[in-house]
Amino acid sequence: MKTANQILIAIVLLSFSITSCNGQVREPIKHLITKDGHIITLNVNTQEINNKNIEETCNFGQHDSIKNEDFTIIAKVGDNIIWEGNSLSSNEDIVNIKKIKIKRGTIIFDKDSLEDNRRVSGKVRYDTKDRPIYEYKLFFTVTHEGKEKQYHIDPKIQVNE
């Protein structure tokens, strides 16, 4: 009987932890490698985000022990990298990736910044072998209840030959 109660409690706690406030289950999307390239998805709790809690309300699908600024992907010269946004809170909310801009390290794209209105992509041109890895600012907007606000996160890319 004790085991059955423990299982029931675990199921209840799990259901609370993955259900958002409006009752929709929204799972984080992880980094994918497809025929089109690396797809990096920024997952955002669009109901809770503000300038003071970006680390707690955003992730790239990485393990909880890895901070967003330490999130690093490994790519090769010639790889295409695509950044897109995902709302964890509601299908009505929108997360748009606006710009990728070098912060420090080795330039790996043809330009210092890549821009678009919804999702950003770039082809890796240069490696970081024996040089500092590419650290960048990812600028994104969140539209929640008709109001758009801009934020940024600073992850990394390591490029092997």
N, C-alpha and C. Protein backbone atom coordinates (compact mmCIF):
# COMPACT_ATOMS: atom_id res chain seq x y z
N MET A 1 0.83 -1.20 0.00
CA MET A 1 0.00 0.00 0.00
C MET A 1 0.87 1.26 0.00
N LYS A 2 1.98 1.22 0.79
CA LYS A 2 2.86 2.37 0.85
C LYS A 2 3.43 2.69 -0.54
N THR A 3 3.82 1.67 -1.30
CA THR A 3 4.36 1.88 -2.64
C THR A 3 3.31 2.48 -3.57
N ALA A 4 2.09 2.04 -3.49
CA ALA A 4 1.02 2.58 -4.33
C ALA A 4 0.80 4.06 -4.03
N ASN A 5 0.83 4.44 -2.76
CA ASN A 5 0.68 5.84 -2.38
C ASN A 5 1.84 6.68 -2.89
N GLN A 6 3.05 6.14 -2.81
CA GLN A 6 4.22 6.87 -3.31
C GLN A 6 4.13 7.10 -4.81
N ILE A 7 3.66 6.07 -5.54
CA ILE A 7 3.50 6.21 -6.99
C ILE A 7 2.44 7.25 -7.31
N LEU A 8 1.34 7.23 -6.59
CA LEU A 8 0.27 8.20 -6.80
C LEU A 8 0.76 9.62 -6.55
N ILE A 9 1.50 9.82 -5.48
CA ILE A 9 2.05 11.14 -5.16
C ILE A 9 3.02 11.59 -6.26
N ALA A 10 3.86 10.68 -6.73
CA ALA A 10 4.81 11.02 -7.80
C ALA A 10 4.08 11.42 -9.08
N ILE A 11 3.01 10.71 -9.42
CA ILE A 11 2.24 11.05 -10.62
C ILE A 11 1.60 12.42 -10.48
N VAL A 12 1.04 12.72 -9.32
CA VAL A 12 0.41 14.03 -9.10
C VAL A 12 1.45 15.14 -9.19
N LEU A 13 2.59 14.96 -8.54
CA LEU A 13 3.65 15.98 -8.59
C LEU A 13 4.17 16.17 -10.00
N LEU A 14 4.34 15.09 -10.75
CA LEU A 14 4.82 15.19 -12.13
C LEU A 14 3.82 15.95 -12.99
N SER A 15 2.54 15.67 -12.81
CA SER A 15 1.55 16.36 -13.63
C SER A 15 1.51 17.85 -13.33
N PHE A 16 1.73 18.24 -12.07
CA PHE A 16 1.79 19.67 -11.75
C PHE A 16 3.03 20.31 -12.34
N SER A 17 4.14 19.58 -12.38
CA SER A 17 5.38 20.19 -12.84
C SER A 17 5.42 20.40 -14.34
N ILE A 18 4.63 19.64 -15.14
CA ILE A 18 4.70 19.82 -16.58
C ILE A 18 3.45 20.47 -17.17
N THR A 19 2.54 20.92 -16.34
CA THR A 19 1.34 21.58 -16.84
C THR A 19 1.46 23.06 -16.57
N SER A 20 1.23 23.86 -17.57
CA SER A 20 1.32 25.31 -17.40
C SER A 20 0.05 25.83 -16.73
N CYS A 21 0.04 27.13 -16.43
CA CYS A 21 -1.06 27.74 -15.71
C CYS A 21 -2.39 27.60 -16.44
N ASN A 22 -2.38 27.59 -17.76
CA ASN A 22 -3.63 27.51 -18.50
C ASN A 22 -4.01 26.07 -18.82
N GLY A 23 -3.30 25.10 -18.21
CA GLY A 23 -3.67 23.71 -18.37
C GLY A 23 -3.06 23.01 -19.57
N GLN A 24 -2.30 23.72 -20.40
CA GLN A 24 -1.69 23.09 -21.55
C GLN A 24 -0.35 22.50 -21.16
N VAL A 25 -0.06 21.31 -21.66
CA VAL A 25 1.25 20.71 -21.43
C VAL A 25 2.17 21.16 -22.55
N ARG A 26 3.23 21.82 -22.19
CA ARG A 26 4.19 22.34 -23.18
C ARG A 26 5.57 21.86 -22.78
N GLU A 27 6.14 20.98 -23.54
CA GLU A 27 7.47 20.43 -23.27
C GLU A 27 8.55 21.28 -23.93
N PRO A 28 9.71 21.43 -23.29
CA PRO A 28 10.82 22.12 -23.95
C PRO A 28 11.29 21.34 -25.17
N ILE A 29 11.71 22.05 -26.19
CA ILE A 29 12.28 21.42 -27.39
C ILE A 29 13.79 21.47 -27.25
N LYS A 30 14.45 20.35 -27.53
CA LYS A 30 15.89 20.27 -27.39
C LYS A 30 16.59 20.60 -28.71
N HIS A 31 17.90 20.77 -28.64
CA HIS A 31 18.76 21.02 -29.80
C HIS A 31 18.66 19.81 -30.73
N LEU A 32 18.31 20.06 -31.98
CA LEU A 32 18.17 19.00 -32.97
C LEU A 32 19.20 19.18 -34.07
N ILE A 33 19.67 18.07 -34.60
CA ILE A 33 20.52 18.12 -35.78
C ILE A 33 19.76 17.39 -36.88
N THR A 34 19.42 18.12 -37.94
CA THR A 34 18.64 17.57 -39.04
C THR A 34 19.41 17.75 -40.34
N LYS A 35 18.80 17.33 -41.44
CA LYS A 35 19.44 17.51 -42.74
C LYS A 35 19.60 18.99 -43.08
N ASP A 36 18.77 19.84 -42.46
CA ASP A 36 18.84 21.28 -42.69
C ASP A 36 19.90 21.95 -41.83
N GLY A 37 20.39 21.27 -40.81
CA GLY A 37 21.40 21.83 -39.92
C GLY A 37 21.05 21.68 -38.46
N HIS A 38 21.72 22.46 -37.63
CA HIS A 38 21.46 22.48 -36.20
C HIS A 38 20.24 23.38 -35.96
N ILE A 39 19.24 22.87 -35.28
CA ILE A 39 18.09 23.70 -34.92
C ILE A 39 18.17 23.94 -33.42
N ILE A 40 18.42 25.20 -33.06
CA ILE A 40 18.54 25.60 -31.66
C ILE A 40 17.23 26.29 -31.30
N THR A 41 16.50 25.70 -30.36
CA THR A 41 15.21 26.25 -29.97
C THR A 41 15.32 26.88 -28.60
N LEU A 42 14.98 28.15 -28.53
CA LEU A 42 14.90 28.86 -27.25
C LEU A 42 13.48 28.68 -26.71
N ASN A 43 13.37 27.97 -25.60
CA ASN A 43 12.09 27.72 -24.94
C ASN A 43 11.88 28.78 -23.87
N VAL A 44 10.71 29.43 -23.88
CA VAL A 44 10.46 30.55 -22.98
C VAL A 44 9.12 30.38 -22.27
N ASN A 45 9.14 30.55 -20.96
CA ASN A 45 7.89 30.64 -20.20
C ASN A 45 7.40 32.07 -20.39
N THR A 46 6.56 32.26 -21.40
CA THR A 46 6.15 33.60 -21.82
C THR A 46 5.22 34.28 -20.82
N GLN A 47 4.61 33.53 -19.93
CA GLN A 47 3.74 34.14 -18.93
C GLN A 47 4.53 34.74 -17.78
N GLU A 48 5.71 34.20 -17.50
CA GLU A 48 6.47 34.61 -16.33
C GLU A 48 7.70 35.46 -16.61
N ILE A 49 8.20 35.48 -17.85
CA ILE A 49 9.48 36.13 -18.13
C ILE A 49 9.45 37.63 -17.84
N ASN A 50 10.56 38.10 -17.27
CA ASN A 50 10.83 39.54 -17.13
C ASN A 50 12.34 39.70 -17.13
N ASN A 51 12.84 40.92 -17.06
CA ASN A 51 14.29 41.15 -17.15
C ASN A 51 15.07 40.59 -15.98
N LYS A 52 14.40 40.25 -14.89
CA LYS A 52 15.10 39.74 -13.71
C LYS A 52 15.13 38.22 -13.63
N ASN A 53 14.34 37.51 -14.46
CA ASN A 53 14.28 36.06 -14.32
C ASN A 53 14.51 35.30 -15.63
N ILE A 54 15.29 35.86 -16.52
CA ILE A 54 15.52 35.24 -17.83
C ILE A 54 16.12 33.84 -17.66
N GLU A 55 17.07 33.70 -16.78
CA GLU A 55 17.72 32.39 -16.57
C GLU A 55 16.71 31.33 -16.13
N GLU A 56 15.76 31.72 -15.30
CA GLU A 56 14.78 30.76 -14.76
C GLU A 56 13.64 30.47 -15.74
N THR A 57 13.38 31.37 -16.67
CA THR A 57 12.21 31.22 -17.55
C THR A 57 12.56 30.84 -18.98
N CYS A 58 13.86 30.71 -19.28
CA CYS A 58 14.29 30.36 -20.64
C CYS A 58 15.28 29.21 -20.59
N ASN A 59 15.28 28.40 -21.65
CA ASN A 59 16.27 27.34 -21.77
C ASN A 59 16.35 26.89 -23.22
N PHE A 60 17.39 26.12 -23.50
CA PHE A 60 17.59 25.54 -24.82
C PHE A 60 17.32 24.03 -24.80
N GLY A 61 16.63 23.56 -23.77
CA GLY A 61 16.36 22.14 -23.61
C GLY A 61 17.50 21.40 -22.93
N GLN A 62 18.50 22.15 -22.44
CA GLN A 62 19.65 21.53 -21.80
C GLN A 62 19.31 21.08 -20.38
N HIS A 63 20.19 20.29 -19.78
CA HIS A 63 20.03 19.83 -18.40
C HIS A 63 19.96 21.04 -17.47
N ASP A 64 19.19 20.92 -16.40
CA ASP A 64 19.00 22.02 -15.45
C ASP A 64 20.31 22.55 -14.86
N SER A 65 21.34 21.72 -14.80
CA SER A 65 22.61 22.15 -14.19
C SER A 65 23.42 23.06 -15.13
N ILE A 66 23.02 23.17 -16.39
CA ILE A 66 23.75 24.00 -17.36
C ILE A 66 23.03 25.33 -17.54
N LYS A 67 23.72 26.41 -17.18
CA LYS A 67 23.14 27.75 -17.36
C LYS A 67 23.05 28.08 -18.85
N ASN A 68 22.16 28.99 -19.17
CA ASN A 68 22.01 29.41 -20.57
C ASN A 68 23.31 29.98 -21.13
N GLU A 69 24.05 30.74 -20.32
CA GLU A 69 25.30 31.33 -20.81
C GLU A 69 26.38 30.28 -21.02
N ASP A 70 26.21 29.09 -20.44
CA ASP A 70 27.16 28.00 -20.62
C ASP A 70 26.70 27.00 -21.68
N PHE A 71 25.50 27.18 -22.20
CA PHE A 71 24.99 26.29 -23.25
C PHE A 71 25.87 26.46 -24.48
N THR A 72 26.49 25.37 -24.92
CA THR A 72 27.42 25.40 -26.04
C THR A 72 27.07 24.30 -27.02
N ILE A 73 26.97 24.64 -28.29
CA ILE A 73 26.80 23.60 -29.29
C ILE A 73 28.11 23.38 -30.00
N ILE A 74 28.28 22.18 -30.53
CA ILE A 74 29.47 21.83 -31.30
C ILE A 74 29.04 21.75 -32.76
N ALA A 75 29.70 22.50 -33.61
CA ALA A 75 29.36 22.52 -35.04
C ALA A 75 30.63 22.34 -35.86
N LYS A 76 30.44 22.17 -37.16
CA LYS A 76 31.55 22.05 -38.10
C LYS A 76 31.43 23.15 -39.15
N VAL A 77 32.56 23.49 -39.77
CA VAL A 77 32.53 24.44 -40.88
C VAL A 77 31.61 23.87 -41.95
N GLY A 78 30.72 24.72 -42.46
CA GLY A 78 29.75 24.28 -43.46
C GLY A 78 28.38 23.99 -42.88
N ASP A 79 28.29 23.79 -41.56
CA ASP A 79 27.00 23.52 -40.92
C ASP A 79 26.12 24.76 -40.97
N ASN A 80 24.84 24.54 -41.12
CA ASN A 80 23.85 25.61 -41.02
C ASN A 80 23.28 25.57 -39.60
N ILE A 81 23.17 26.74 -38.97
CA ILE A 81 22.59 26.82 -37.62
C ILE A 81 21.35 27.68 -37.70
N ILE A 82 20.26 27.16 -37.18
CA ILE A 82 18.97 27.85 -37.20
C ILE A 82 18.51 28.04 -35.76
N TRP A 83 18.18 29.28 -35.41
CA TRP A 83 17.64 29.58 -34.09
C TRP A 83 16.16 29.89 -34.23
N GLU A 84 15.35 29.28 -33.37
CA GLU A 84 13.92 29.58 -33.37
C GLU A 84 13.40 29.61 -31.94
N GLY A 85 12.23 30.20 -31.76
CA GLY A 85 11.65 30.34 -30.44
C GLY A 85 10.45 29.45 -30.24
N ASN A 86 10.18 29.13 -28.96
CA ASN A 86 9.06 28.28 -28.58
C ASN A 86 8.48 28.77 -27.25
N SER A 87 7.19 29.05 -27.23
CA SER A 87 6.53 29.43 -25.98
C SER A 87 6.17 28.17 -25.21
N LEU A 88 6.58 28.11 -23.95
CA LEU A 88 6.21 27.00 -23.08
C LEU A 88 4.85 27.23 -22.43
N SER A 89 4.32 28.44 -22.55
CA SER A 89 3.12 28.82 -21.82
C SER A 89 1.83 28.69 -22.63
N SER A 90 1.89 29.09 -23.89
CA SER A 90 0.65 29.16 -24.65
C SER A 90 0.94 29.15 -26.15
N ASN A 91 0.05 28.54 -26.91
CA ASN A 91 0.15 28.59 -28.37
C ASN A 91 -0.13 30.00 -28.88
N GLU A 92 -0.76 30.83 -28.07
CA GLU A 92 -1.09 32.21 -28.46
C GLU A 92 0.11 33.15 -28.35
N ASP A 93 1.05 32.84 -27.46
CA ASP A 93 2.23 33.68 -27.26
C ASP A 93 3.26 33.38 -28.34
N ILE A 94 4.08 34.38 -28.64
CA ILE A 94 5.06 34.25 -29.72
C ILE A 94 6.45 34.58 -29.20
N VAL A 95 7.42 33.74 -29.57
CA VAL A 95 8.83 33.99 -29.29
C VAL A 95 9.54 34.10 -30.63
N ASN A 96 10.04 35.28 -30.96
CA ASN A 96 10.75 35.51 -32.21
C ASN A 96 12.22 35.74 -31.93
N ILE A 97 13.07 35.06 -32.68
CA ILE A 97 14.51 35.30 -32.61
C ILE A 97 14.80 36.42 -33.59
N LYS A 98 15.41 37.50 -33.11
CA LYS A 98 15.64 38.69 -33.92
C LYS A 98 17.07 38.83 -34.42
N LYS A 99 18.05 38.51 -33.56
CA LYS A 99 19.43 38.78 -33.96
C LYS A 99 20.39 37.89 -33.18
N ILE A 100 21.45 37.47 -33.87
CA ILE A 100 22.59 36.79 -33.28
C ILE A 100 23.77 37.73 -33.52
N LYS A 101 24.43 38.15 -32.45
CA LYS A 101 25.54 39.11 -32.58
C LYS A 101 26.72 38.64 -31.77
N ILE A 102 27.90 38.67 -32.36
CA ILE A 102 29.10 38.23 -31.65
C ILE A 102 29.31 39.08 -30.40
N LYS A 103 29.65 38.42 -29.31
CA LYS A 103 29.96 39.09 -28.05
C LYS A 103 31.48 39.12 -27.88
N ARG A 104 32.11 37.95 -28.08
CA ARG A 104 33.57 37.84 -28.05
C ARG A 104 33.96 36.48 -28.60
N GLY A 105 35.24 36.32 -28.85
CA GLY A 105 35.72 35.05 -29.38
C GLY A 105 35.98 35.15 -30.87
N THR A 106 36.02 34.00 -31.50
CA THR A 106 36.35 33.88 -32.91
C THR A 106 35.10 34.06 -33.76
N ILE A 107 35.18 34.90 -34.78
CA ILE A 107 34.06 35.06 -35.70
C ILE A 107 33.92 33.77 -36.51
N ILE A 108 32.69 33.23 -36.58
CA ILE A 108 32.48 31.98 -37.31
C ILE A 108 31.55 32.15 -38.52
N PHE A 109 30.89 33.30 -38.60
CA PHE A 109 30.00 33.59 -39.73
C PHE A 109 30.63 34.68 -40.59
N ASP A 110 30.04 34.94 -41.75
CA ASP A 110 30.55 35.98 -42.64
C ASP A 110 30.38 37.39 -42.08
N LYS A 111 29.40 37.55 -41.19
CA LYS A 111 29.08 38.86 -40.63
C LYS A 111 29.16 38.82 -39.11
N ASP A 112 29.28 40.00 -38.49
CA ASP A 112 29.29 40.10 -37.03
C ASP A 112 27.91 39.82 -36.43
N SER A 113 26.86 40.05 -37.22
CA SER A 113 25.51 39.78 -36.72
C SER A 113 24.63 39.21 -37.83
N LEU A 114 23.70 38.37 -37.41
CA LEU A 114 22.71 37.76 -38.30
C LEU A 114 21.35 38.23 -37.80
N GLU A 115 20.47 38.66 -38.72
CA GLU A 115 19.19 39.21 -38.28
C GLU A 115 18.04 38.68 -39.12
N ASP A 116 16.86 38.62 -38.49
CA ASP A 116 15.61 38.28 -39.16
C ASP A 116 14.48 38.71 -38.24
N ASN A 117 13.26 38.43 -38.63
CA ASN A 117 12.12 38.84 -37.81
C ASN A 117 11.53 37.71 -36.97
N ARG A 118 11.77 36.45 -37.36
CA ARG A 118 11.13 35.35 -36.67
C ARG A 118 12.12 34.29 -36.21
N ARG A 119 12.97 33.89 -37.13
CA ARG A 119 14.02 32.93 -36.82
C ARG A 119 15.26 33.33 -37.61
N VAL A 120 16.41 33.04 -37.05
CA VAL A 120 17.67 33.48 -37.64
C VAL A 120 18.46 32.23 -38.02
N SER A 121 19.17 32.33 -39.16
CA SER A 121 20.03 31.21 -39.54
C SER A 121 21.33 31.74 -40.11
N GLY A 122 22.35 30.91 -40.01
CA GLY A 122 23.65 31.28 -40.55
C GLY A 122 24.47 30.04 -40.86
N LYS A 123 25.33 30.15 -41.86
CA LYS A 123 26.21 29.05 -42.24
C LYS A 123 27.58 29.29 -41.63
N VAL A 124 28.10 28.28 -40.94
CA VAL A 124 29.40 28.37 -40.28
C VAL A 124 30.49 28.40 -41.35
N ARG A 125 31.33 29.43 -41.32
CA ARG A 125 32.40 29.61 -42.32
C ARG A 125 33.80 29.37 -41.75
N TYR A 126 33.99 29.58 -40.44
CA TYR A 126 35.32 29.52 -39.86
C TYR A 126 35.29 28.69 -38.58
N ASP A 127 36.40 28.00 -38.29
CA ASP A 127 36.44 27.16 -37.09
C ASP A 127 37.04 27.91 -35.91
N THR A 128 36.90 27.30 -34.73
CA THR A 128 37.45 27.88 -33.51
C THR A 128 38.60 27.04 -32.96
N LYS A 129 39.11 26.13 -33.79
CA LYS A 129 40.20 25.25 -33.35
C LYS A 129 41.40 26.09 -32.91
N ASP A 130 41.88 25.83 -31.71
CA ASP A 130 43.02 26.53 -31.12
C ASP A 130 42.77 28.03 -30.95
N ARG A 131 41.50 28.44 -30.98
CA ARG A 131 41.12 29.85 -30.79
C ARG A 131 39.93 29.90 -29.83
N PRO A 132 39.63 31.08 -29.30
CA PRO A 132 38.48 31.20 -28.38
C PRO A 132 37.17 30.84 -29.08
N ILE A 133 36.27 30.18 -28.34
CA ILE A 133 34.99 29.81 -28.93
C ILE A 133 34.13 31.06 -29.15
N TYR A 134 33.14 30.92 -30.00
CA TYR A 134 32.24 32.01 -30.40
C TYR A 134 31.21 32.22 -29.31
N GLU A 135 31.27 33.35 -28.66
CA GLU A 135 30.25 33.73 -27.68
C GLU A 135 29.40 34.81 -28.32
N TYR A 136 28.09 34.69 -28.16
CA TYR A 136 27.19 35.61 -28.86
C TYR A 136 26.02 36.03 -27.99
N LYS A 137 25.40 37.11 -28.41
CA LYS A 137 24.14 37.55 -27.81
C LYS A 137 23.02 37.13 -28.74
N LEU A 138 22.03 36.47 -28.17
CA LEU A 138 20.84 36.09 -28.91
C LEU A 138 19.73 37.04 -28.46
N PHE A 139 19.30 37.90 -29.36
CA PHE A 139 18.22 38.85 -29.06
C PHE A 139 16.90 38.23 -29.50
N PHE A 140 15.90 38.29 -28.61
CA PHE A 140 14.60 37.72 -28.94
C PHE A 140 13.49 38.57 -28.35
N THR A 141 12.31 38.46 -28.96
CA THR A 141 11.14 39.16 -28.44
C THR A 141 10.11 38.13 -28.00
N VAL A 142 9.34 38.53 -27.00
CA VAL A 142 8.23 37.73 -26.51
C VAL A 142 6.98 38.57 -26.63
N THR A 143 5.97 38.02 -27.31
CA THR A 143 4.67 38.68 -27.37
C THR A 143 3.71 37.87 -26.51
N HIS A 144 3.25 38.52 -25.44
CA HIS A 144 2.33 37.89 -24.48
C HIS A 144 1.19 38.88 -24.24
N GLU A 145 -0.03 38.40 -24.43
CA GLU A 145 -1.23 39.23 -24.28
C GLU A 145 -1.13 40.51 -25.11
N GLY A 146 -0.59 40.37 -26.33
CA GLY A 146 -0.51 41.49 -27.26
C GLY A 146 0.62 42.47 -27.03
N LYS A 147 1.42 42.25 -25.98
CA LYS A 147 2.53 43.16 -25.67
C LYS A 147 3.85 42.48 -26.01
N GLU A 148 4.70 43.20 -26.78
CA GLU A 148 6.00 42.66 -27.17
C GLU A 148 7.11 43.29 -26.35
N LYS A 149 8.00 42.43 -25.82
CA LYS A 149 9.18 42.90 -25.08
C LYS A 149 10.41 42.18 -25.61
N GLN A 150 11.56 42.86 -25.56
CA GLN A 150 12.81 42.28 -26.05
C GLN A 150 13.71 41.86 -24.89
N TYR A 151 14.44 40.75 -25.08
CA TYR A 151 15.37 40.21 -24.10
C TYR A 151 16.60 39.69 -24.86
N HIS A 152 17.62 39.24 -24.10
CA HIS A 152 18.75 38.57 -24.74
C HIS A 152 19.38 37.55 -23.80
N ILE A 153 20.07 36.59 -24.40
CA ILE A 153 20.80 35.52 -23.71
C ILE A 153 22.15 35.41 -24.39
N ASP A 154 23.17 34.93 -23.68
CA ASP A 154 24.53 34.87 -24.21
C ASP A 154 25.12 33.45 -24.25
N PRO A 155 24.69 32.58 -25.17
CA PRO A 155 25.27 31.22 -25.27
C PRO A 155 26.55 31.18 -26.11
N LYS A 156 27.00 29.97 -26.49
CA LYS A 156 28.28 29.80 -27.19
C LYS A 156 28.19 28.75 -28.30
N ILE A 157 29.14 28.84 -29.24
CA ILE A 157 29.29 27.82 -30.29
C ILE A 157 30.77 27.49 -30.40
N GLN A 158 31.07 26.20 -30.39
CA GLN A 158 32.44 25.72 -30.65
C GLN A 158 32.42 25.06 -32.02
N VAL A 159 33.36 25.45 -32.88
CA VAL A 159 33.40 24.90 -34.23
C VAL A 159 34.68 24.11 -34.41
N ASN A 160 34.49 22.82 -34.72
CA ASN A 160 35.62 21.96 -35.05
C ASN A 160 35.72 21.89 -36.56
N GLU A 161 36.90 21.57 -37.06
CA GLU A 161 37.11 21.54 -38.53
C GLU A 161 36.15 20.61 -39.23
